[in-house]
Amino acid sequence: MEKEVNMSVNAVSLPGTLAGPEKALGIVIFAHGSGSSRFSPRNRYVAEVLHNAGIGTLLFDLLTREEDQVYENRFNIDLITERLVKATDWLAQQEEARDLPFGYFGASTGAAAALIAAARLDGRINAVVSRGGRPDLAMADLPRVESPTLLIVGGLDYTVLALNRQALEKLGAEKHLEIIPGATHLFEEPGTLEQAADAAKAWFTKKFAP
């Protein structure tokens, strides 16, 4: 199953791709980082790994093309969090997603939005995964996150790794920090993105289990 969708969020139309097996274990909503989109090759690779594990995905644009031209919008965590919450509400009303558990996969600034959205949705999100994320940008909300959270960081991404260690201390839910040896921020080194995707797959599969 794969189809292009359009979500209306506060009179703004956000395009997306809903894909995965017909009988999915759950659906993961992706929140990409600043300057990226639903066509992010890294997120699309992770989505394919999840599909092969029986998990559906929703990749969508957090900003319109016009909004993305304004640099400040890319770091407007409040705005992209609101979009993510609205997209989650939209997905919950779709026949393909009805009664399925939901997860968030956030990269870079999208990880902060994913964690704040999970906190606002009071346990409706079964799992959160952050890849090279900035959970420190959601520090005030982390104690209220009820969703089991996996933070994946490259071992050579020193600054972001330090920020993730600080965020880990604040998280109130089940949590784990997965360090991928030899990886920098974008997981461009051979085999590192595969390791990150496998870690995400294992986390979601476990948390979506009945």
Protein backbone atom coordinates (compact mmCIF):
# COMPACT_ATOMS: atom_id res chain seq x y z
CA MET A 1 0.00 0.00 0.00
CA GLU A 2 1.35 3.39 -0.99
CA LYS A 3 -0.61 6.53 -1.73
CA GLU A 4 -0.04 10.25 -1.90
CA VAL A 5 -2.18 12.21 0.57
CA ASN A 6 -2.93 15.83 1.39
CA MET A 7 -3.65 16.89 4.94
CA SER A 8 -5.43 20.15 5.65
CA VAL A 9 -3.92 21.75 8.75
CA ASN A 10 -5.33 25.14 9.73
CA ALA A 11 -6.19 25.88 6.08
CA VAL A 12 -2.70 24.81 4.96
CA SER A 13 -2.36 21.77 2.68
CA LEU A 14 0.54 19.48 3.57
CA PRO A 15 1.39 16.70 1.07
CA GLY A 16 2.55 13.32 2.27
CA THR A 17 3.10 9.65 1.43
CA LEU A 18 1.28 6.95 3.39
CA ALA A 19 2.86 3.56 2.75
CA GLY A 20 3.43 0.10 4.16
CA PRO A 21 1.90 -3.37 4.37
CA GLU A 22 -1.88 -3.85 4.24
CA LYS A 23 -2.00 -5.37 7.74
CA ALA A 24 0.53 -3.27 9.61
CA LEU A 25 1.71 -3.69 13.19
CA GLY A 26 1.48 0.09 13.56
CA ILE A 27 2.29 3.31 11.73
CA VAL A 28 5.30 5.58 12.21
CA ILE A 29 4.93 9.30 11.44
CA PHE A 30 8.18 10.95 10.36
CA ALA A 31 9.23 14.44 11.47
CA HIS A 32 12.18 15.48 9.33
CA GLY A 33 14.86 17.99 10.21
CA SER A 34 15.30 21.59 9.13
CA GLY A 35 15.69 22.09 5.39
CA SER A 36 14.49 18.56 4.60
CA SER A 37 11.20 17.17 3.27
CA ARG A 38 9.20 13.99 2.82
CA PHE A 39 11.68 13.07 0.07
CA SER A 40 14.62 12.80 2.50
CA PRO A 41 16.62 9.79 1.21
CA ARG A 42 17.69 8.83 4.73
CA ASN A 43 14.17 8.84 6.11
CA ARG A 44 12.88 7.01 3.04
CA TYR A 45 15.50 4.33 3.62
CA VAL A 46 14.41 3.95 7.24
CA ALA A 47 10.78 3.82 6.09
CA GLU A 48 11.61 0.97 3.70
CA VAL A 49 13.27 -0.97 6.53
CA LEU A 50 10.13 -0.49 8.63
CA HIS A 51 7.88 -1.63 5.76
CA ASN A 52 9.88 -4.86 5.53
CA ALA A 53 9.21 -5.39 9.25
CA GLY A 54 5.45 -4.99 8.78
CA ILE A 55 5.20 -1.35 9.88
CA GLY A 56 3.45 1.45 7.95
CA THR A 57 4.82 4.96 7.60
CA LEU A 58 3.61 8.50 6.95
CA LEU A 59 6.18 10.92 5.56
CA PHE A 60 4.89 14.44 5.02
CA ASP A 61 6.10 17.99 4.58
CA LEU A 62 6.00 19.93 7.84
CA LEU A 63 6.13 23.25 5.94
CA THR A 64 4.75 24.43 2.63
CA ARG A 65 7.23 25.35 -0.10
CA GLU A 66 6.66 29.04 0.63
CA GLU A 67 7.08 28.61 4.38
CA ASP A 68 10.31 26.68 3.89
CA GLN A 69 11.81 29.66 2.06
CA VAL A 70 11.73 31.56 5.37
CA TYR A 71 14.78 30.25 7.23
CA GLU A 72 13.33 30.96 10.69
CA ASN A 73 10.37 28.64 10.01
CA ARG A 74 12.69 25.65 9.83
CA PHE A 75 13.54 26.15 13.50
CA ASN A 76 10.04 27.10 14.66
CA ILE A 77 9.54 24.12 16.96
CA ASP A 78 6.09 25.31 18.06
CA LEU A 79 4.88 25.46 14.47
CA ILE A 80 6.19 22.06 13.39
CA THR A 81 4.95 20.49 16.63
CA GLU A 82 1.45 21.80 15.91
CA ARG A 83 1.65 20.39 12.37
CA LEU A 84 2.76 17.02 13.72
CA VAL A 85 -0.10 16.86 16.24
CA LYS A 86 -2.64 17.79 13.54
CA ALA A 87 -1.20 15.20 11.16
CA THR A 88 -1.53 12.59 13.91
CA ASP A 89 -5.18 13.53 14.41
CA TRP A 90 -5.73 13.32 10.64
CA LEU A 91 -4.09 9.89 10.43
CA ALA A 92 -6.20 8.55 13.30
CA GLN A 93 -9.29 9.22 11.20
CA GLN A 94 -8.07 7.26 8.17
CA GLU A 95 -9.39 3.75 7.57
CA GLU A 96 -5.90 2.30 7.09
CA ALA A 97 -4.78 3.56 10.50
CA ARG A 98 -7.84 3.00 12.61
CA ASP A 99 -7.05 1.19 15.89
CA LEU A 100 -3.34 0.89 15.06
CA PRO A 101 -0.59 2.02 17.43
CA PHE A 102 1.35 5.10 16.35
CA GLY A 103 5.00 6.01 16.62
CA TYR A 104 7.14 9.05 15.82
CA PHE A 105 10.52 9.04 14.08
CA GLY A 106 12.23 12.41 14.37
CA ALA A 107 15.50 13.65 12.89
CA SER A 108 17.39 16.79 13.93
CA THR A 109 14.86 19.50 14.92
CA GLY A 110 12.02 17.14 14.02
CA ALA A 111 12.98 15.01 17.02
CA ALA A 112 12.22 17.92 19.36
CA ALA A 113 8.81 18.36 17.72
CA ALA A 114 8.14 14.62 18.00
CA LEU A 115 8.88 14.59 21.73
CA ILE A 116 6.80 17.69 22.48
CA ALA A 117 3.92 16.29 20.42
CA ALA A 118 4.17 12.97 22.27
CA ALA A 119 4.00 14.84 25.59
CA ARG A 120 0.92 16.77 24.46
CA LEU A 121 -0.86 13.64 23.25
CA ASP A 122 -0.82 12.02 26.72
CA GLY A 123 0.35 8.53 25.92
CA ARG A 124 -1.34 8.17 22.51
CA ILE A 125 2.08 7.66 20.89
CA ASN A 126 3.37 4.16 21.58
CA ALA A 127 7.03 4.87 20.79
CA VAL A 128 9.41 7.64 19.73
CA VAL A 129 12.74 7.28 17.95
CA SER A 130 15.17 10.17 17.46
CA ARG A 131 17.99 9.87 14.89
CA GLY A 132 20.70 12.48 15.26
CA GLY A 133 18.02 14.51 16.96
CA ARG A 134 17.93 17.62 19.11
CA PRO A 135 15.80 16.50 22.09
CA ASP A 136 17.49 19.26 24.09
CA LEU A 137 15.23 21.72 22.23
CA ALA A 138 12.30 20.04 24.01
CA MET A 139 13.94 19.96 27.44
CA ALA A 140 11.02 21.51 29.36
CA ASP A 141 8.61 18.90 27.96
CA LEU A 142 10.76 15.80 28.36
CA PRO A 143 9.61 14.90 31.91
CA ARG A 144 6.01 14.70 30.59
CA VAL A 145 6.80 12.29 27.74
CA GLU A 146 5.08 8.96 28.44
CA SER A 147 6.13 7.26 25.20
CA PRO A 148 9.10 4.84 25.31
CA THR A 149 11.90 6.78 23.63
CA LEU A 150 15.03 5.64 21.78
CA LEU A 151 17.74 8.23 21.09
CA ILE A 152 20.10 7.19 18.27
CA VAL A 153 23.28 9.24 17.92
CA GLY A 154 26.51 8.84 15.99
CA GLY A 155 29.54 8.15 18.15
CA LEU A 156 31.48 10.87 16.32
CA ASP A 157 28.67 13.44 16.57
CA TYR A 158 30.20 14.77 19.76
CA THR A 159 28.14 17.91 20.38
CA VAL A 160 24.79 16.27 19.63
CA LEU A 161 25.78 13.21 21.67
CA ALA A 162 26.44 15.43 24.70
CA LEU A 163 23.06 17.14 24.23
CA ASN A 164 21.32 13.77 23.96
CA ARG A 165 22.94 12.58 27.19
CA GLN A 166 21.52 15.65 28.94
CA ALA A 167 18.08 15.04 27.44
CA LEU A 168 18.16 11.38 28.45
CA GLU A 169 18.37 12.42 32.09
CA LYS A 170 15.21 14.52 31.76
CA LEU A 171 13.05 11.95 29.97
CA GLY A 172 10.38 10.54 32.24
CA ALA A 173 9.42 7.48 30.20
CA GLU A 174 11.23 4.26 29.34
CA LYS A 175 14.34 5.39 27.48
CA HIS A 176 17.55 4.23 25.85
CA LEU A 177 20.52 5.91 24.16
CA GLU A 178 21.90 3.95 21.19
CA ILE A 179 25.34 5.13 20.05
CA ILE A 180 26.36 4.08 16.53
CA PRO A 181 30.18 3.74 16.47
CA GLY A 182 31.99 5.65 13.75
CA ALA A 183 28.93 7.66 12.69
CA THR A 184 28.81 11.43 12.29
CA HIS A 185 25.66 13.57 12.34
CA LEU A 186 24.18 12.49 8.98
CA PHE A 187 25.13 8.79 9.30
CA GLU A 188 26.95 8.97 5.95
CA GLU A 189 29.63 6.45 6.89
CA PRO A 190 29.22 2.95 5.36
CA GLY A 191 26.81 0.78 7.33
CA THR A 192 25.92 3.38 9.95
CA LEU A 193 22.50 4.36 8.60
CA GLU A 194 21.67 0.66 8.33
CA GLN A 195 22.54 0.20 12.01
CA ALA A 196 20.37 3.17 12.96
CA ALA A 197 17.46 1.85 10.90
CA ASP A 198 17.77 -1.60 12.44
CA ALA A 199 17.74 -0.11 15.94
CA ALA A 200 14.61 1.89 15.10
CA LYS A 201 12.95 -1.19 13.60
CA ALA A 202 13.62 -3.24 16.72
CA TRP A 203 12.29 -0.48 18.99
CA PHE A 204 9.06 0.04 17.07
CA THR A 205 8.46 -3.69 16.59
CA LYS A 206 8.78 -4.30 20.32
CA LYS A 207 6.60 -1.34 21.35
CA PHE A 208 3.90 -2.09 18.76
CA ALA A 209 3.58 -5.71 19.86
CA PRO A 210 0.12 -6.52 21.29
